[in-house]
């Protein structure tokens, strides 16, 4: 049986380790980016020109929000994130024909998470969205 599985790995070029490589790269990157953004928001990182990164984020805004460290009071970004995630879920759900009960439950769960992301995204600073 092992020989047959090994031959299938070679024939189809799909070793299980290849599926874990993304996690070994993506997880450390997510941790490092989270720590860096936390340092930006707390003022732990300093720029060379004398202004801290937190001051630069507070004074340099984009579009309708002048302060990137404040919350989006219009809820445009949080709602757009939730709607875009919900659209992605619906597009993939429409592509599936004859989903199993488990797949239906997972789809409902991901839909609920997409909707619940809206109030969560409304509680973080605008530069994190």
Protein backbone atom coordinates (compact mmCIF):
# COMPACT_ATOMS: atom_id res chain seq x y z
CA UNK A 1 0.00 0.00 0.00
CA UNK A 2 2.84 2.41 0.84
CA UNK A 3 4.46 1.71 -2.48
CA UNK A 4 1.20 2.45 -4.29
CA UNK A 5 0.72 5.71 -2.38
CA UNK A 6 4.33 6.67 -3.05
CA UNK A 7 3.87 6.01 -6.76
CA UNK A 8 0.74 8.18 -6.75
CA UNK A 9 2.66 11.00 -5.06
CA UNK A 10 5.30 10.79 -7.77
CA UNK A 11 2.84 10.41 -10.63
CA UNK A 12 0.55 13.26 -9.59
CA UNK A 13 3.28 15.43 -8.02
CA UNK A 14 1.17 16.04 -4.90
CA UNK A 15 3.12 15.18 -1.79
CA UNK A 16 1.26 16.12 1.43
CA UNK A 17 4.20 18.21 2.61
CA UNK A 18 3.51 20.66 -0.23
CA UNK A 19 0.18 21.50 1.38
CA UNK A 20 1.92 22.48 4.63
CA UNK A 21 4.59 24.68 3.05
CA UNK A 22 2.16 27.58 2.75
CA UNK A 23 1.36 27.37 6.46
CA UNK A 24 5.05 27.38 7.39
CA UNK A 25 5.50 30.58 5.38
CA UNK A 26 2.16 32.28 5.97
CA UNK A 27 1.96 31.82 9.75
CA UNK A 28 5.31 33.50 10.59
CA UNK A 29 4.54 36.32 8.13
CA UNK A 30 1.17 36.90 9.81
CA UNK A 31 2.81 36.98 13.26
CA UNK A 32 5.55 39.40 12.16
CA UNK A 33 3.06 41.70 10.43
CA UNK A 34 0.77 41.68 13.48
CA UNK A 35 3.64 42.62 15.78
CA UNK A 36 4.81 45.34 13.40
CA UNK A 37 1.33 46.87 13.13
CA UNK A 38 0.93 46.69 16.92
CA UNK A 39 4.24 48.53 17.31
CA UNK A 40 3.05 51.16 14.85
CA UNK A 41 -0.18 51.74 16.75
CA UNK A 42 1.48 51.91 20.19
CA UNK A 43 4.27 54.20 19.08
CA UNK A 44 7.04 51.67 19.70
CA UNK A 45 8.48 52.16 16.20
CA UNK A 46 10.23 55.43 15.37
CA UNK A 47 10.99 57.00 12.03
CA UNK A 48 14.35 58.56 11.14
CA UNK A 49 13.01 62.08 10.64
CA UNK A 50 12.11 62.48 14.31
CA UNK A 51 8.38 61.85 13.99
CA UNK A 52 7.12 58.56 15.35
CA UNK A 53 5.20 56.26 13.06
CA UNK A 54 2.13 56.72 15.24
CA UNK A 55 2.28 60.51 14.71
CA UNK A 56 2.66 60.00 10.98
CA UNK A 57 -0.37 57.68 10.89
CA UNK A 58 -2.37 60.18 12.97
CA UNK A 59 -1.59 63.12 10.68
CA UNK A 60 -1.57 61.42 7.29
CA UNK A 61 -5.03 60.30 6.26
CA UNK A 62 -6.50 58.80 3.16
CA UNK A 63 -9.80 59.53 1.40
CA UNK A 64 -12.51 60.37 3.97
CA UNK A 65 -10.59 59.71 7.20
CA UNK A 66 -7.82 62.16 8.16
CA UNK A 67 -6.55 60.08 11.10
CA UNK A 68 -5.51 56.51 10.32
CA UNK A 69 -5.27 55.61 14.00
CA UNK A 70 -8.96 56.37 14.64
CA UNK A 71 -11.96 54.18 13.90
CA UNK A 72 -13.92 54.52 10.67
CA UNK A 73 -16.97 56.41 11.94
CA UNK A 74 -18.80 56.04 8.62
CA UNK A 75 -18.51 52.20 8.69
CA UNK A 76 -17.71 52.22 4.95
CA UNK A 77 -14.60 50.04 5.27
CA UNK A 78 -16.04 47.47 7.72
CA UNK A 79 -19.24 47.03 5.69
CA UNK A 80 -17.32 46.75 2.43
CA UNK A 81 -15.06 44.07 3.94
CA UNK A 82 -18.06 42.06 5.13
CA UNK A 83 -19.90 42.40 1.83
CA UNK A 84 -16.84 41.45 -0.23
CA UNK A 85 -16.21 38.37 1.91
CA UNK A 86 -19.88 37.42 1.65
CA UNK A 87 -19.75 37.81 -2.14
CA UNK A 88 -16.70 35.54 -2.33
CA UNK A 89 -18.49 32.90 -0.24
CA UNK A 90 -21.59 33.13 -2.43
CA UNK A 91 -19.59 32.86 -5.66
CA UNK A 92 -17.90 29.69 -4.44
CA UNK A 93 -21.21 28.33 -3.12
CA UNK A 94 -22.81 28.83 -6.53
CA UNK A 95 -20.02 26.84 -8.18
CA UNK A 96 -20.70 23.80 -6.01
CA UNK A 97 -23.40 21.45 -7.23
CA UNK A 98 -24.86 18.91 -4.82
CA UNK A 99 -23.01 19.93 -1.67
CA UNK A 100 -22.91 17.50 1.22
CA UNK A 101 -24.45 18.34 4.57
CA UNK A 102 -21.03 19.13 6.01
CA UNK A 103 -20.23 21.49 3.13
CA UNK A 104 -23.55 23.25 3.67
CA UNK A 105 -22.79 23.72 7.37
CA UNK A 106 -19.33 25.08 6.57
CA UNK A 107 -20.85 27.47 4.01
CA UNK A 108 -23.38 28.73 6.57
CA UNK A 109 -20.61 29.13 9.13
CA UNK A 110 -18.43 31.15 6.75
CA UNK A 111 -21.43 33.32 5.83
CA UNK A 112 -21.99 34.04 9.52
CA UNK A 113 -18.31 34.84 10.02
CA UNK A 114 -18.45 37.25 7.07
CA UNK A 115 -21.35 39.11 8.66
CA UNK A 116 -19.76 39.05 12.13
CA UNK A 117 -16.58 40.56 10.69
CA UNK A 118 -18.39 43.87 10.18
CA UNK A 119 -18.63 44.90 13.86
CA UNK A 120 -15.19 43.45 14.57
CA UNK A 121 -13.66 45.48 11.74
CA UNK A 122 -15.43 48.59 13.06
CA UNK A 123 -13.51 48.37 16.34
CA UNK A 124 -9.99 48.47 14.88
CA UNK A 125 -8.06 51.48 13.58
CA UNK A 126 -8.54 52.36 9.93
CA UNK A 127 -4.99 51.48 8.89
CA UNK A 128 -5.56 47.86 9.93
CA UNK A 129 -8.57 47.43 7.68
